[in-house]
Amino acid sequence: MITTAQLMQALQAQLEGTPRFLVAAEVRPGGKAEVEVDRLEGSITLDELTAINKGLREHFGDALDDLELQVGSPGLGRPFKVQQQYRKHIGQGVEVAMADGTLLHGTLEGFDGAGITLRLLQPAKVKGRMPKLAEETTAIPFTAIKSTQATIKLN
């Protein structure tokens, strides 16, 4: 039986030197393996996901026949799991759930190993007008963040 560690090691070797990165990989009880991969710029394509699946099948051979393997991209409404997701979304809208229960909306302006820099979205003072971004950025340490996820803006 293939373990999560073996799956992650094979994926890291396959993705090394490419613009793609591993978000999550897990082998679950019952013979199900789930893999999430993304790319630094743009969206990962179906062809890229198919190539990753094929590479795993070549690496593990018959041992993979015992697993139901799902290779996909992380969902838009799902919290960030790895640092590369923060880097990818710099300059884009995010929703930050704080450890104290508050919810912040804004534009991710920066990221380092200790936390993020967020330009907060201020509510409009006049009903019916669009909210505006604050003039200053706010530094938020990772210790104060429960989760962060990308937001979409529909016009």
C-alpha atoms as a PDB file:
ATOM      1  CA  MET A   1       0.000   0.000   0.000  1.00  0.00           C
ATOM      2  CA  ILE A   2       1.281   3.460  -0.917  1.00  0.00           C
ATOM      3  CA  THR A   3       1.593   5.911   1.991  1.00  0.00           C
ATOM      4  CA  THR A   4       0.954   9.655   2.007  1.00  0.00           C
ATOM      5  CA  ALA A   5       4.698  10.265   2.482  1.00  0.00           C
ATOM      6  CA  GLN A   6       5.573   8.157  -0.575  1.00  0.00           C
ATOM      7  CA  LEU A   7       2.934   9.937  -2.650  1.00  0.00           C
ATOM      8  CA  MET A   8       4.193  13.380  -1.592  1.00  0.00           C
ATOM      9  CA  GLN A   9       7.815  12.415  -2.307  1.00  0.00           C
ATOM     10  CA  ALA A  10       6.925  11.208  -5.820  1.00  0.00           C
ATOM     11  CA  LEU A  11       4.941  14.394  -6.483  1.00  0.00           C
ATOM     12  CA  GLN A  12       7.722  16.691  -5.244  1.00  0.00           C
ATOM     13  CA  ALA A  13      10.191  14.939  -7.552  1.00  0.00           C
ATOM     14  CA  GLN A  14       7.797  15.215 -10.502  1.00  0.00           C
ATOM     15  CA  LEU A  15       6.980  18.906  -9.894  1.00  0.00           C
ATOM     16  CA  GLU A  16      10.539  20.067  -9.181  1.00  0.00           C
ATOM     17  CA  GLY A  17      11.739  22.622 -11.720  1.00  0.00           C
ATOM     18  CA  THR A  18       8.242  23.326 -13.051  1.00  0.00           C
ATOM     19  CA  PRO A  19       5.911  26.278 -12.399  1.00  0.00           C
ATOM     20  CA  ARG A  20       3.546  23.854 -10.649  1.00  0.00           C
ATOM     21  CA  PHE A  21       3.508  23.208  -6.899  1.00  0.00           C
ATOM     22  CA  LEU A  22       1.964  20.685  -4.534  1.00  0.00           C
ATOM     23  CA  VAL A  23      -0.875  22.001  -2.385  1.00  0.00           C
ATOM     24  CA  ALA A  24      -1.966  18.760  -0.704  1.00  0.00           C
ATOM     25  CA  ALA A  25      -1.665  15.007  -1.053  1.00  0.00           C
ATOM     26  CA  GLU A  26      -3.282  12.400   1.120  1.00  0.00           C
ATOM     27  CA  VAL A  27      -3.892   8.674   1.036  1.00  0.00           C
ATOM     28  CA  ARG A  28      -7.120   8.014   2.922  1.00  0.00           C
ATOM     29  CA  PRO A  29      -8.437   4.797   4.401  1.00  0.00           C
ATOM     30  CA  GLY A  30     -10.530   2.833   1.963  1.00  0.00           C
ATOM     31  CA  GLY A  31      -8.031   3.122  -0.883  1.00  0.00           C
ATOM     32  CA  LYS A  32      -8.609   6.709  -1.939  1.00  0.00           C
ATOM     33  CA  ALA A  33      -5.784   9.140  -2.758  1.00  0.00           C
ATOM     34  CA  GLU A  34      -6.392  12.838  -3.334  1.00  0.00           C
ATOM     35  CA  VAL A  35      -3.830  15.210  -4.832  1.00  0.00           C
ATOM     36  CA  GLU A  36      -4.139  18.989  -5.253  1.00  0.00           C
ATOM     37  CA  VAL A  37      -1.670  20.802  -7.515  1.00  0.00           C
ATOM     38  CA  ASP A  38      -1.608  24.424  -8.657  1.00  0.00           C
ATOM     39  CA  ARG A  39       0.672  26.652 -10.704  1.00  0.00           C
ATOM     40  CA  LEU A  40       2.347  29.929  -9.754  1.00  0.00           C
ATOM     41  CA  GLU A  41       0.853  31.944 -12.606  1.00  0.00           C
ATOM     42  CA  GLY A  42      -2.516  31.346 -14.146  1.00  0.00           C
ATOM     43  CA  SER A  43      -4.641  28.283 -13.678  1.00  0.00           C
ATOM     44  CA  ILE A  44      -3.443  24.722 -13.961  1.00  0.00           C
ATOM     45  CA  THR A  45      -4.798  23.023 -17.077  1.00  0.00           C
ATOM     46  CA  LEU A  46      -6.484  19.689 -17.508  1.00  0.00           C
ATOM     47  CA  ASP A  47      -3.547  18.544 -19.662  1.00  0.00           C
ATOM     48  CA  GLU A  48      -1.118  19.328 -16.816  1.00  0.00           C
ATOM     49  CA  LEU A  49      -3.262  17.414 -14.304  1.00  0.00           C
ATOM     50  CA  THR A  50      -3.464  14.474 -16.707  1.00  0.00           C
ATOM     51  CA  ALA A  51       0.333  14.481 -17.107  1.00  0.00           C
ATOM     52  CA  ILE A  52       0.790  14.464 -13.316  1.00  0.00           C
ATOM     53  CA  ASN A  53      -1.622  11.537 -13.010  1.00  0.00           C
ATOM     54  CA  LYS A  54       0.227   9.662 -15.759  1.00  0.00           C
ATOM     55  CA  GLY A  55       3.595  10.389 -14.097  1.00  0.00           C
ATOM     56  CA  LEU A  56       2.339   8.950 -10.808  1.00  0.00           C
ATOM     57  CA  ARG A  57       1.035   5.855 -12.561  1.00  0.00           C
ATOM     58  CA  GLU A  58       4.431   5.344 -14.223  1.00  0.00           C
ATOM     59  CA  HIS A  59       6.274   5.894 -10.922  1.00  0.00           C
ATOM     60  CA  PHE A  60       4.188   3.508  -8.794  1.00  0.00           C
ATOM     61  CA  GLY A  61       3.161   1.011 -11.471  1.00  0.00           C
ATOM     62  CA  ASP A  62       0.846  -1.777 -10.299  1.00  0.00           C
ATOM     63  CA  ALA A  63       0.913  -0.529  -6.678  1.00  0.00           C
ATOM     64  CA  LEU A  64      -1.369   2.333  -7.732  1.00  0.00           C
ATOM     65  CA  ASP A  65      -4.032  -0.104  -8.926  1.00  0.00           C
ATOM     66  CA  ASP A  66      -5.160  -0.527  -5.306  1.00  0.00           C
ATOM     67  CA  LEU A  67      -5.985   3.189  -5.023  1.00  0.00           C
ATOM     68  CA  GLU A  68      -8.634   5.451  -6.471  1.00  0.00           C
ATOM     69  CA  LEU A  69      -6.431   8.399  -7.490  1.00  0.00           C
ATOM     70  CA  GLN A  70      -7.910  11.883  -7.899  1.00  0.00           C
ATOM     71  CA  VAL A  71      -5.628  14.639  -9.191  1.00  0.00           C
ATOM     72  CA  GLY A  72      -7.104  18.135  -9.240  1.00  0.00           C
ATOM     73  CA  SER A  73      -6.617  21.797  -8.446  1.00  0.00           C
ATOM     74  CA  PRO A  74      -7.512  23.441  -5.134  1.00  0.00           C
ATOM     75  CA  GLY A  75     -11.006  24.859  -5.132  1.00  0.00           C
ATOM     76  CA  LEU A  76     -11.495  28.624  -5.275  1.00  0.00           C
ATOM     77  CA  GLY A  77     -13.508  28.802  -2.067  1.00  0.00           C
ATOM     78  CA  ARG A  78     -11.069  26.691  -0.060  1.00  0.00           C
ATOM     79  CA  PRO A  79      -8.535  28.078   2.426  1.00  0.00           C
ATOM     80  CA  PHE A  80      -4.877  28.415   1.449  1.00  0.00           C
ATOM     81  CA  LYS A  81      -2.727  25.495   2.600  1.00  0.00           C
ATOM     82  CA  VAL A  82       0.791  26.367   1.389  1.00  0.00           C
ATOM     83  CA  GLN A  83       2.908  29.506   1.055  1.00  0.00           C
ATOM     84  CA  GLN A  84       2.955  29.389  -2.749  1.00  0.00           C
ATOM     85  CA  GLN A  85      -0.797  30.076  -2.730  1.00  0.00           C
ATOM     86  CA  TYR A  86      -0.168  33.352  -0.878  1.00  0.00           C
ATOM     87  CA  ARG A  87       2.517  34.325  -3.420  1.00  0.00           C
ATOM     88  CA  LYS A  88       0.215  33.482  -6.315  1.00  0.00           C
ATOM     89  CA  HIS A  89      -2.591  35.711  -5.006  1.00  0.00           C
ATOM     90  CA  ILE A  90      -0.560  38.870  -4.285  1.00  0.00           C
ATOM     91  CA  GLY A  91      -2.503  41.799  -5.742  1.00  0.00           C
ATOM     92  CA  GLN A  92      -5.787  39.901  -5.646  1.00  0.00           C
ATOM     93  CA  GLY A  93      -8.791  39.942  -3.334  1.00  0.00           C
ATOM     94  CA  VAL A  94      -8.759  37.676  -0.284  1.00  0.00           C
ATOM     95  CA  GLU A  95     -10.925  36.965   2.721  1.00  0.00           C
ATOM     96  CA  VAL A  96      -9.063  36.478   6.011  1.00  0.00           C
ATOM     97  CA  ALA A  97     -10.764  34.748   8.925  1.00  0.00           C
ATOM     98  CA  MET A  98      -9.007  35.888  12.090  1.00  0.00           C
ATOM     99  CA  ALA A  99      -8.443  33.682  15.128  1.00  0.00           C
ATOM    100  CA  ASP A 100     -10.661  36.039  17.185  1.00  0.00           C
ATOM    101  CA  GLY A 101     -13.613  35.415  14.838  1.00  0.00           C
ATOM    102  CA  THR A 102     -13.493  38.627  12.783  1.00  0.00           C
ATOM    103  CA  LEU A 103     -13.559  38.488   9.003  1.00  0.00           C
ATOM    104  CA  LEU A 104     -11.410  40.853   6.921  1.00  0.00           C
ATOM    105  CA  HIS A 105     -11.777  41.534   3.197  1.00  0.00           C
ATOM    106  CA  GLY A 106      -9.137  43.236   1.102  1.00  0.00           C
ATOM    107  CA  THR A 107      -6.286  42.944  -1.362  1.00  0.00           C
ATOM    108  CA  LEU A 108      -3.258  40.833  -0.502  1.00  0.00           C
ATOM    109  CA  GLU A 109      -0.364  43.277  -0.880  1.00  0.00           C
ATOM    110  CA  GLY A 110       2.512  41.175   0.435  1.00  0.00           C
ATOM    111  CA  PHE A 111       3.605  37.960   2.056  1.00  0.00           C
ATOM    112  CA  ASP A 112       6.600  36.820   4.085  1.00  0.00           C
ATOM    113  CA  GLY A 113       7.295  33.901   6.398  1.00  0.00           C
ATOM    114  CA  ALA A 114       5.795  35.696   9.412  1.00  0.00           C
ATOM    115  CA  GLY A 115       2.515  36.964   7.959  1.00  0.00           C
ATOM    116  CA  ILE A 116       0.714  38.911   5.266  1.00  0.00           C
ATOM    117  CA  THR A 117       0.189  42.543   4.364  1.00  0.00           C
ATOM    118  CA  LEU A 118      -3.415  43.370   3.561  1.00  0.00           C
ATOM    119  CA  ARG A 119      -5.006  46.508   2.124  1.00  0.00           C
ATOM    120  CA  LEU A 120      -8.410  46.415   3.795  1.00  0.00           C
ATOM    121  CA  LEU A 121     -11.646  46.989   1.935  1.00  0.00           C
ATOM    122  CA  GLN A 122     -13.492  49.817   3.713  1.00  0.00           C
ATOM    123  CA  PRO A 123     -17.304  49.883   3.532  1.00  0.00           C
ATOM    124  CA  ALA A 124     -18.861  52.670   1.505  1.00  0.00           C
ATOM    125  CA  LYS A 125     -20.078  55.690   3.484  1.00  0.00           C
ATOM    126  CA  VAL A 126     -22.899  56.264   1.016  1.00  0.00           C
ATOM    127  CA  LYS A 127     -25.449  53.514   0.488  1.00  0.00           C
ATOM    128  CA  GLY A 128     -25.263  52.042  -3.010  1.00  0.00           C
ATOM    129  CA  ARG A 129     -21.606  52.951  -3.642  1.00  0.00           C
ATOM    130  CA  MET A 130     -18.823  50.439  -3.977  1.00  0.00           C
ATOM    131  CA  PRO A 131     -16.472  49.871  -1.019  1.00  0.00           C
ATOM    132  CA  LYS A 132     -12.974  51.362  -1.352  1.00  0.00           C
ATOM    133  CA  LEU A 133      -9.535  50.080  -0.429  1.00  0.00           C
ATOM    134  CA  ALA A 134      -7.865  51.731   2.553  1.00  0.00           C
ATOM    135  CA  GLU A 135      -4.892  54.059   1.962  1.00  0.00           C
ATOM    136  CA  GLU A 136      -2.595  52.106   4.287  1.00  0.00           C
ATOM    137  CA  THR A 137      -1.789  48.425   4.498  1.00  0.00           C
ATOM    138  CA  THR A 138      -2.140  46.318   7.626  1.00  0.00           C
ATOM    139  CA  ALA A 139       0.400  43.683   8.666  1.00  0.00           C
ATOM    140  CA  ILE A 140      -1.211  40.530  10.017  1.00  0.00           C
ATOM    141  CA  PRO A 141       0.922  37.767  11.613  1.00  0.00           C
ATOM    142  CA  PHE A 142       0.067  34.156  10.779  1.00  0.00           C
ATOM    143  CA  THR A 143      -0.531  33.502  14.492  1.00  0.00           C
ATOM    144  CA  ALA A 144      -3.610  35.785  14.297  1.00  0.00           C
ATOM    145  CA  ILE A 145      -4.993  34.137  11.119  1.00  0.00           C
ATOM    146  CA  LYS A 146      -7.350  31.180  11.190  1.00  0.00           C
ATOM    147  CA  SER A 147      -7.656  30.880   7.393  1.00  0.00           C
ATOM    148  CA  THR A 148      -7.240  32.825   4.161  1.00  0.00           C
ATOM    149  CA  GLN A 149      -8.973  32.230   0.862  1.00  0.00           C
ATOM    150  CA  ALA A 150      -9.208  33.937  -2.499  1.00  0.00           C
ATOM    151  CA  THR A 151     -12.349  35.841  -3.384  1.00  0.00           C
ATOM    152  CA  ILE A 152     -13.902  36.418  -6.771  1.00  0.00           C
ATOM    153  CA  LYS A 153     -15.409  39.653  -7.982  1.00  0.00           C
ATOM    154  CA  LEU A 154     -18.367  39.363 -10.320  1.00  0.00           C
ATOM    155  CA  ASN A 155     -19.282  42.444 -12.321  1.00  0.00           C
END
